[in-house]
């Protein structure tokens, strides 16, 4: 019986959340947010796959010497 008593409260929270979420999605679509994020993510992935980024990743790896030593000693 207690669950039925709070059902209207949960329903109000669910409807309010859906309205707020829908409003946020509408705002992001109208302002071109998704287009901007798509371009930024594409640029980020292109840089991460570049030789410069891979060289930097290898140079900043603190375990690079330990990995090399481990592979030398059987």
N, C-alpha and C. Protein backbone atom coordinates (compact mmCIF):
# COMPACT_ATOMS: atom_id res chain seq x y z
N UNK A 1 0.82 -1.20 0.00
CA UNK A 1 0.00 0.00 0.00
C UNK A 1 0.87 1.26 0.00
N UNK A 2 2.04 1.18 0.66
CA UNK A 2 2.90 2.35 0.71
C UNK A 2 3.46 2.70 -0.67
N UNK A 3 3.71 1.68 -1.47
CA UNK A 3 4.25 1.94 -2.80
C UNK A 3 3.22 2.68 -3.67
N UNK A 4 1.97 2.34 -3.55
CA UNK A 4 0.93 3.00 -4.32
C UNK A 4 0.76 4.45 -3.88
N UNK A 5 1.04 4.72 -2.63
CA UNK A 5 0.89 6.07 -2.10
C UNK A 5 1.91 7.02 -2.72
N UNK A 6 3.12 6.51 -3.00
CA UNK A 6 4.16 7.35 -3.55
C UNK A 6 4.23 7.29 -5.07
N UNK A 7 3.36 6.52 -5.69
CA UNK A 7 3.38 6.37 -7.13
C UNK A 7 3.15 7.70 -7.85
N UNK A 8 2.25 8.53 -7.36
CA UNK A 8 2.00 9.82 -8.00
C UNK A 8 3.23 10.73 -7.90
N UNK A 9 3.95 10.66 -6.81
CA UNK A 9 5.15 11.46 -6.64
C UNK A 9 6.23 11.03 -7.63
N UNK A 10 6.44 9.73 -7.78
CA UNK A 10 7.42 9.22 -8.73
C UNK A 10 7.01 9.57 -10.16
N UNK A 11 5.72 9.52 -10.44
CA UNK A 11 5.23 9.87 -11.77
C UNK A 11 5.49 11.34 -12.07
N UNK A 12 5.28 12.22 -11.10
CA UNK A 12 5.55 13.65 -11.29
C UNK A 12 7.04 13.88 -11.54
N UNK A 13 7.91 13.19 -10.80
CA UNK A 13 9.36 13.33 -10.99
C UNK A 13 9.75 12.85 -12.38
N UNK A 14 9.19 11.72 -12.82
CA UNK A 14 9.52 11.17 -14.14
C UNK A 14 9.07 12.12 -15.26
N UNK A 15 7.89 12.67 -15.14
CA UNK A 15 7.38 13.59 -16.17
C UNK A 15 8.21 14.87 -16.18
N UNK A 16 8.53 15.40 -15.01
CA UNK A 16 9.35 16.61 -14.93
C UNK A 16 10.73 16.38 -15.51
N UNK A 17 11.32 15.25 -15.23
CA UNK A 17 12.65 14.93 -15.76
C UNK A 17 12.61 14.80 -17.28
N UNK A 18 11.57 14.17 -17.79
CA UNK A 18 11.44 14.02 -19.24
C UNK A 18 11.28 15.38 -19.92
N UNK A 19 10.54 16.29 -19.31
CA UNK A 19 10.34 17.62 -19.88
C UNK A 19 11.66 18.40 -19.87
N UNK A 20 12.38 18.34 -18.76
CA UNK A 20 13.67 19.04 -18.68
C UNK A 20 14.66 18.45 -19.68
N UNK A 21 14.75 17.13 -19.75
CA UNK A 21 15.66 16.48 -20.70
C UNK A 21 15.30 16.80 -22.14
N UNK A 22 14.03 16.81 -22.45
CA UNK A 22 13.60 17.16 -23.81
C UNK A 22 13.94 18.60 -24.15
N UNK A 23 13.78 19.49 -23.17
CA UNK A 23 14.14 20.88 -23.39
C UNK A 23 15.63 21.06 -23.65
N UNK A 24 16.44 20.33 -22.91
CA UNK A 24 17.89 20.40 -23.11
C UNK A 24 18.27 19.87 -24.49
N UNK A 25 17.68 18.76 -24.90
CA UNK A 25 17.97 18.21 -26.23
C UNK A 25 17.55 19.18 -27.32
N UNK A 26 16.38 19.79 -27.17
CA UNK A 26 15.90 20.77 -28.15
C UNK A 26 16.86 21.95 -28.25
N UNK A 27 17.33 22.43 -27.10
CA UNK A 27 18.28 23.54 -27.08
C UNK A 27 19.59 23.17 -27.78
N UNK A 28 20.10 21.96 -27.50
CA UNK A 28 21.36 21.54 -28.11
C UNK A 28 21.22 21.37 -29.62
N UNK A 29 20.08 20.89 -30.08
CA UNK A 29 19.86 20.73 -31.52
C UNK A 29 19.76 22.09 -32.19
N UNK A 30 19.02 23.01 -31.59
CA UNK A 30 18.81 24.33 -32.19
C UNK A 30 20.09 25.17 -32.20
N UNK A 31 20.99 24.99 -31.24
CA UNK A 31 22.21 25.80 -31.20
C UNK A 31 23.34 25.17 -32.00
N UNK A 32 23.15 23.99 -32.56
CA UNK A 32 24.19 23.35 -33.36
C UNK A 32 25.25 22.68 -32.51
N UNK A 33 24.91 22.32 -31.29
CA UNK A 33 25.87 21.70 -30.38
C UNK A 33 26.42 20.40 -30.94
N UNK A 34 25.56 19.56 -31.47
CA UNK A 34 26.00 18.25 -31.96
C UNK A 34 26.93 18.37 -33.16
N UNK A 35 26.69 19.35 -34.02
CA UNK A 35 27.57 19.56 -35.17
C UNK A 35 28.97 19.96 -34.70
N UNK A 36 29.04 20.84 -33.72
CA UNK A 36 30.33 21.30 -33.20
C UNK A 36 31.08 20.16 -32.52
N UNK A 37 30.36 19.36 -31.73
CA UNK A 37 30.99 18.24 -31.03
C UNK A 37 31.48 17.19 -32.01
N UNK A 38 30.74 16.96 -33.07
CA UNK A 38 31.15 15.98 -34.08
C UNK A 38 32.46 16.41 -34.73
N UNK A 39 32.59 17.69 -35.05
CA UNK A 39 33.82 18.19 -35.66
C UNK A 39 34.98 18.08 -34.67
N UNK A 40 34.76 18.47 -33.42
CA UNK A 40 35.82 18.40 -32.41
C UNK A 40 36.28 16.97 -32.17
N UNK A 41 35.35 16.04 -32.10
CA UNK A 41 35.72 14.63 -31.89
C UNK A 41 36.48 14.07 -33.09
N UNK A 42 36.10 14.47 -34.29
CA UNK A 42 36.82 14.01 -35.48
C UNK A 42 38.25 14.53 -35.48
N UNK A 43 38.42 15.81 -35.10
CA UNK A 43 39.76 16.37 -35.04
C UNK A 43 40.60 15.68 -33.96
N UNK A 44 39.97 15.39 -32.84
CA UNK A 44 40.68 14.72 -31.74
C UNK A 44 41.13 13.32 -32.17
N UNK A 45 40.26 12.58 -32.81
CA UNK A 45 40.63 11.22 -33.25
C UNK A 45 41.71 11.26 -34.33
N UNK A 46 41.63 12.24 -35.22
CA UNK A 46 42.65 12.35 -36.26
C UNK A 46 44.00 12.65 -35.64
N UNK A 47 44.03 13.51 -34.62
CA UNK A 47 45.30 13.83 -33.96
C UNK A 47 45.83 12.63 -33.18
N UNK A 48 44.94 11.91 -32.49
CA UNK A 48 45.37 10.75 -31.69
C UNK A 48 45.99 9.67 -32.56
N UNK A 49 45.57 9.56 -33.80
CA UNK A 49 46.10 8.54 -34.70
C UNK A 49 47.31 9.04 -35.49
N UNK A 50 47.71 10.28 -35.28
CA UNK A 50 48.85 10.83 -36.03
C UNK A 50 50.16 10.30 -35.44
N UNK A 51 51.21 10.30 -36.24
CA UNK A 51 52.52 9.83 -35.75
C UNK A 51 53.06 10.69 -34.60
N UNK A 52 52.76 11.99 -34.61
CA UNK A 52 53.25 12.87 -33.53
C UNK A 52 52.63 12.47 -32.20
N UNK A 53 51.33 12.19 -32.20
CA UNK A 53 50.66 11.83 -30.96
C UNK A 53 51.15 10.48 -30.46
N UNK A 54 51.40 9.55 -31.35
CA UNK A 54 51.89 8.24 -30.93
C UNK A 54 53.29 8.35 -30.37
N UNK A 55 54.13 9.20 -30.97
CA UNK A 55 55.48 9.39 -30.44
C UNK A 55 55.44 10.05 -29.07
N UNK A 56 54.54 11.00 -28.89
CA UNK A 56 54.42 11.66 -27.59
C UNK A 56 53.91 10.68 -26.54
N UNK A 57 52.96 9.84 -26.92
CA UNK A 57 52.42 8.85 -26.00
C UNK A 57 53.51 7.87 -25.56
N UNK A 58 54.34 7.45 -26.49
CA UNK A 58 55.43 6.53 -26.15
C UNK A 58 56.49 7.22 -25.29
N UNK A 59 56.78 8.49 -25.59
CA UNK A 59 57.80 9.22 -24.82
C UNK A 59 57.34 9.49 -23.40
N UNK A 60 56.04 9.68 -23.19
CA UNK A 60 55.53 9.99 -21.86
C UNK A 60 55.12 8.75 -21.07
N UNK A 61 55.32 7.57 -21.64
CA UNK A 61 54.97 6.33 -20.95
C UNK A 61 56.01 6.04 -19.87
N UNK A 62 55.61 6.10 -18.58
CA UNK A 62 56.60 5.88 -17.51
C UNK A 62 57.09 4.44 -17.43
N UNK A 63 56.39 3.50 -18.07
CA UNK A 63 56.78 2.09 -17.99
C UNK A 63 57.53 1.63 -19.23
N UNK A 64 57.92 2.55 -20.11
CA UNK A 64 58.55 2.13 -21.36
C UNK A 64 59.85 1.38 -21.12
N UNK A 65 60.65 1.79 -20.13
CA UNK A 65 61.91 1.10 -19.86
C UNK A 65 61.66 -0.24 -19.18
N UNK A 66 60.67 -0.31 -18.31
CA UNK A 66 60.36 -1.57 -17.63
C UNK A 66 59.81 -2.59 -18.61
N UNK A 67 59.01 -2.15 -19.56
CA UNK A 67 58.48 -3.06 -20.57
C UNK A 67 59.60 -3.62 -21.45
N UNK A 68 60.55 -2.78 -21.81
CA UNK A 68 61.67 -3.22 -22.64
C UNK A 68 62.54 -4.21 -21.87
N UNK A 69 62.78 -3.95 -20.57
CA UNK A 69 63.58 -4.87 -19.76
C UNK A 69 62.87 -6.21 -19.57
N UNK A 70 61.60 -6.16 -19.39
CA UNK A 70 60.83 -7.39 -19.19
C UNK A 70 60.84 -8.27 -20.44
N UNK A 71 60.81 -7.64 -21.59
CA UNK A 71 60.81 -8.44 -22.82
C UNK A 71 62.21 -8.99 -23.13
N UNK A 72 63.27 -8.36 -22.62
CA UNK A 72 64.63 -8.85 -22.86
C UNK A 72 64.96 -10.07 -22.01
N UNK A 73 64.54 -10.04 -20.75
CA UNK A 73 64.86 -11.15 -19.85
C UNK A 73 63.77 -12.20 -19.91
N UNK A 74 64.11 -13.44 -20.26
CA UNK A 74 63.10 -14.50 -20.35
C UNK A 74 62.71 -15.05 -19.00
